Amino acid sequence: MANIKSAIKRIQVAERNRLRNKSEKSAVRTVIKKYFTAVDNYAANRTEELQQEVNQLMSKAYSKIDKAVKHGVLHKNNGARKKSRLARYYKRHLLVTGSEPESMANEGSQAS
């Protein structure tokens, strides 16, 4: 343990910040896991309610990630990577189930 008063204070501040960062990172991970589960459910059973839930959770996840970046808990590139991962996961699950958007399906048939 440090003997100097300012060093003792820095240790206390560092511990307080570590706990705050840990809590915020945990919240980000939790909302991301909820989002992945919602996307899986939506891919298995496409309903309007599940789609709204997925969109709501994506918005919530983006918000949590942006706030963590703003507070300095995550680096901005780390936050961007996490958001990109969420969007990519959603897009892949849509295409895997065979439900391409009409514009993409029509483009392939017109190219000759």
C-alpha atoms as a PDB file:
ATOM      1  CA  MET A   1       0.000   0.000   0.000  1.00  0.00           C
ATOM      2  CA  ALA A   2       1.182   3.479  -0.819  1.00  0.00           C
ATOM      3  CA  ASN A   3       2.315   5.838   1.932  1.00  0.00           C
ATOM      4  CA  ILE A   4       1.848   9.099   0.056  1.00  0.00           C
ATOM      5  CA  LYS A   5      -1.545  10.736   0.438  1.00  0.00           C
ATOM      6  CA  SER A   6      -1.986  11.523  -3.278  1.00  0.00           C
ATOM      7  CA  ALA A   7      -1.003   7.948  -4.233  1.00  0.00           C
ATOM      8  CA  ILE A   8      -3.589   6.568  -1.808  1.00  0.00           C
ATOM      9  CA  LYS A   9      -6.244   8.805  -3.384  1.00  0.00           C
ATOM     10  CA  ARG A  10      -5.239   7.687  -6.909  1.00  0.00           C
ATOM     11  CA  ILE A  11      -5.591   4.041  -5.841  1.00  0.00           C
ATOM     12  CA  GLN A  12      -9.076   4.758  -4.513  1.00  0.00           C
ATOM     13  CA  VAL A  13     -10.081   6.600  -7.706  1.00  0.00           C
ATOM     14  CA  ALA A  14      -8.670   3.828  -9.894  1.00  0.00           C
ATOM     15  CA  GLU A  15     -10.637   1.194  -7.977  1.00  0.00           C
ATOM     16  CA  ARG A  16     -13.852   3.225  -8.189  1.00  0.00           C
ATOM     17  CA  ASN A  17     -13.378   3.686 -11.956  1.00  0.00           C
ATOM     18  CA  ARG A  18     -12.553  -0.007 -12.411  1.00  0.00           C
ATOM     19  CA  LEU A  19     -15.819  -1.030 -10.774  1.00  0.00           C
ATOM     20  CA  ARG A  20     -17.795   1.487 -12.829  1.00  0.00           C
ATOM     21  CA  ASN A  21     -16.151   0.291 -16.055  1.00  0.00           C
ATOM     22  CA  LYS A  22     -16.772  -3.335 -15.121  1.00  0.00           C
ATOM     23  CA  SER A  23     -20.455  -2.629 -14.563  1.00  0.00           C
ATOM     24  CA  GLU A  24     -20.836  -0.780 -17.867  1.00  0.00           C
ATOM     25  CA  LYS A  25     -18.988  -3.472 -19.854  1.00  0.00           C
ATOM     26  CA  SER A  26     -21.184  -6.115 -18.282  1.00  0.00           C
ATOM     27  CA  ALA A  27     -24.313  -4.190 -19.266  1.00  0.00           C
ATOM     28  CA  VAL A  28     -23.057  -3.962 -22.864  1.00  0.00           C
ATOM     29  CA  ARG A  29     -22.383  -7.712 -22.997  1.00  0.00           C
ATOM     30  CA  THR A  30     -25.812  -8.485 -21.525  1.00  0.00           C
ATOM     31  CA  VAL A  31     -27.724  -6.383 -24.040  1.00  0.00           C
ATOM     32  CA  ILE A  32     -25.694  -7.882 -26.908  1.00  0.00           C
ATOM     33  CA  LYS A  33     -26.540 -11.409 -25.764  1.00  0.00           C
ATOM     34  CA  LYS A  34     -30.224 -10.494 -25.515  1.00  0.00           C
ATOM     35  CA  TYR A  35     -30.041  -9.099 -29.051  1.00  0.00           C
ATOM     36  CA  PHE A  36     -28.459 -12.292 -30.443  1.00  0.00           C
ATOM     37  CA  THR A  37     -31.166 -14.389 -28.776  1.00  0.00           C
ATOM     38  CA  ALA A  38     -33.885 -12.155 -30.213  1.00  0.00           C
ATOM     39  CA  VAL A  39     -32.403 -12.414 -33.723  1.00  0.00           C
ATOM     40  CA  ASP A  40     -32.282 -16.216 -33.428  1.00  0.00           C
ATOM     41  CA  ASN A  41     -35.926 -16.277 -32.331  1.00  0.00           C
ATOM     42  CA  TYR A  42     -36.916 -13.973 -35.171  1.00  0.00           C
ATOM     43  CA  ALA A  43     -35.051 -16.095 -37.742  1.00  0.00           C
ATOM     44  CA  ALA A  44     -36.867 -19.211 -36.516  1.00  0.00           C
ATOM     45  CA  ASN A  45     -40.316 -17.627 -36.396  1.00  0.00           C
ATOM     46  CA  ARG A  46     -40.795 -14.412 -38.366  1.00  0.00           C
ATOM     47  CA  THR A  47     -43.496 -12.315 -36.802  1.00  0.00           C
ATOM     48  CA  GLU A  48     -44.021  -8.584 -36.635  1.00  0.00           C
ATOM     49  CA  GLU A  49     -43.682  -8.581 -32.822  1.00  0.00           C
ATOM     50  CA  LEU A  50     -40.340 -10.374 -32.928  1.00  0.00           C
ATOM     51  CA  GLN A  51     -39.067  -7.995 -35.595  1.00  0.00           C
ATOM     52  CA  GLN A  52     -40.021  -5.016 -33.432  1.00  0.00           C
ATOM     53  CA  GLU A  53     -38.241  -6.630 -30.482  1.00  0.00           C
ATOM     54  CA  VAL A  54     -35.101  -7.143 -32.575  1.00  0.00           C
ATOM     55  CA  ASN A  55     -35.162  -3.525 -33.769  1.00  0.00           C
ATOM     56  CA  GLN A  56     -35.726  -2.268 -30.239  1.00  0.00           C
ATOM     57  CA  LEU A  57     -32.874  -4.362 -28.842  1.00  0.00           C
ATOM     58  CA  MET A  58     -30.562  -3.266 -31.656  1.00  0.00           C
ATOM     59  CA  SER A  59     -31.294   0.357 -30.836  1.00  0.00           C
ATOM     60  CA  LYS A  60     -30.729  -0.311 -27.137  1.00  0.00           C
ATOM     61  CA  ALA A  61     -27.439  -2.117 -27.839  1.00  0.00           C
ATOM     62  CA  TYR A  62     -26.203   0.685 -30.091  1.00  0.00           C
ATOM     63  CA  SER A  63     -27.084   3.203 -27.389  1.00  0.00           C
ATOM     64  CA  LYS A  64     -25.258   1.231 -24.661  1.00  0.00           C
ATOM     65  CA  ILE A  65     -22.184   0.816 -26.847  1.00  0.00           C
ATOM     66  CA  ASP A  66     -22.140   4.509 -27.784  1.00  0.00           C
ATOM     67  CA  LYS A  67     -22.449   5.540 -24.144  1.00  0.00           C
ATOM     68  CA  ALA A  68     -19.616   3.191 -23.143  1.00  0.00           C
ATOM     69  CA  VAL A  69     -17.427   4.753 -25.845  1.00  0.00           C
ATOM     70  CA  LYS A  70     -18.425   8.252 -24.737  1.00  0.00           C
ATOM     71  CA  HIS A  71     -17.542   7.459 -21.106  1.00  0.00           C
ATOM     72  CA  GLY A  72     -14.174   6.013 -22.119  1.00  0.00           C
ATOM     73  CA  VAL A  73     -15.015   2.454 -21.105  1.00  0.00           C
ATOM     74  CA  LEU A  74     -14.583   1.161 -24.673  1.00  0.00           C
ATOM     75  CA  HIS A  75     -12.294   2.445 -27.410  1.00  0.00           C
ATOM     76  CA  LYS A  76     -14.166   3.951 -30.349  1.00  0.00           C
ATOM     77  CA  ASN A  77     -12.912   1.262 -32.748  1.00  0.00           C
ATOM     78  CA  ASN A  78     -14.007  -1.444 -30.315  1.00  0.00           C
ATOM     79  CA  GLY A  79     -17.462   0.115 -30.172  1.00  0.00           C
ATOM     80  CA  ALA A  80     -17.642   0.357 -33.954  1.00  0.00           C
ATOM     81  CA  ARG A  81     -16.620  -3.293 -34.257  1.00  0.00           C
ATOM     82  CA  LYS A  82     -19.311  -4.383 -31.817  1.00  0.00           C
ATOM     83  CA  LYS A  83     -22.014  -2.436 -33.689  1.00  0.00           C
ATOM     84  CA  SER A  84     -20.831  -3.837 -37.010  1.00  0.00           C
ATOM     85  CA  ARG A  85     -20.989  -7.335 -35.549  1.00  0.00           C
ATOM     86  CA  LEU A  86     -24.605  -6.789 -34.502  1.00  0.00           C
ATOM     87  CA  ALA A  87     -25.649  -5.603 -37.957  1.00  0.00           C
ATOM     88  CA  ARG A  88     -23.750  -8.406 -39.690  1.00  0.00           C
ATOM     89  CA  TYR A  89     -25.360 -11.043 -37.432  1.00  0.00           C
ATOM     90  CA  TYR A  90     -28.840  -9.749 -38.272  1.00  0.00           C
ATOM     91  CA  LYS A  91     -28.133  -9.637 -42.005  1.00  0.00           C
ATOM     92  CA  ARG A  92     -26.656 -13.151 -42.084  1.00  0.00           C
ATOM     93  CA  HIS A  93     -29.627 -14.627 -40.250  1.00  0.00           C
ATOM     94  CA  LEU A  94     -32.009 -13.037 -42.729  1.00  0.00           C
ATOM     95  CA  LEU A  95     -30.151 -14.438 -45.734  1.00  0.00           C
ATOM     96  CA  VAL A  96     -29.619 -17.906 -44.230  1.00  0.00           C
ATOM     97  CA  THR A  97     -33.344 -18.449 -43.806  1.00  0.00           C
ATOM     98  CA  GLY A  98     -33.831 -17.842 -47.529  1.00  0.00           C
ATOM     99  CA  SER A  99     -35.757 -14.603 -47.287  1.00  0.00           C
ATOM    100  CA  GLU A 100     -33.801 -12.152 -49.401  1.00  0.00           C
ATOM    101  CA  PRO A 101     -35.176  -8.674 -49.906  1.00  0.00           C
ATOM    102  CA  GLU A 102     -37.016  -8.360 -53.229  1.00  0.00           C
ATOM    103  CA  SER A 103     -34.524  -5.883 -54.652  1.00  0.00           C
ATOM    104  CA  MET A 104     -31.628  -8.322 -54.187  1.00  0.00           C
ATOM    105  CA  ALA A 105     -33.559 -11.273 -55.626  1.00  0.00           C
ATOM    106  CA  ASN A 106     -34.547  -9.303 -58.753  1.00  0.00           C
ATOM    107  CA  GLU A 107     -31.012  -8.072 -59.450  1.00  0.00           C
ATOM    108  CA  GLY A 108     -29.686 -11.602 -59.951  1.00  0.00           C
ATOM    109  CA  SER A 109     -32.373 -12.532 -62.481  1.00  0.00           C
ATOM    110  CA  GLN A 110     -31.963  -9.396 -64.589  1.00  0.00           C
ATOM    111  CA  ALA A 111     -28.213  -9.726 -65.165  1.00  0.00           C
ATOM    112  CA  SER A 112     -27.774 -11.525 -68.488  1.00  0.00           C
END
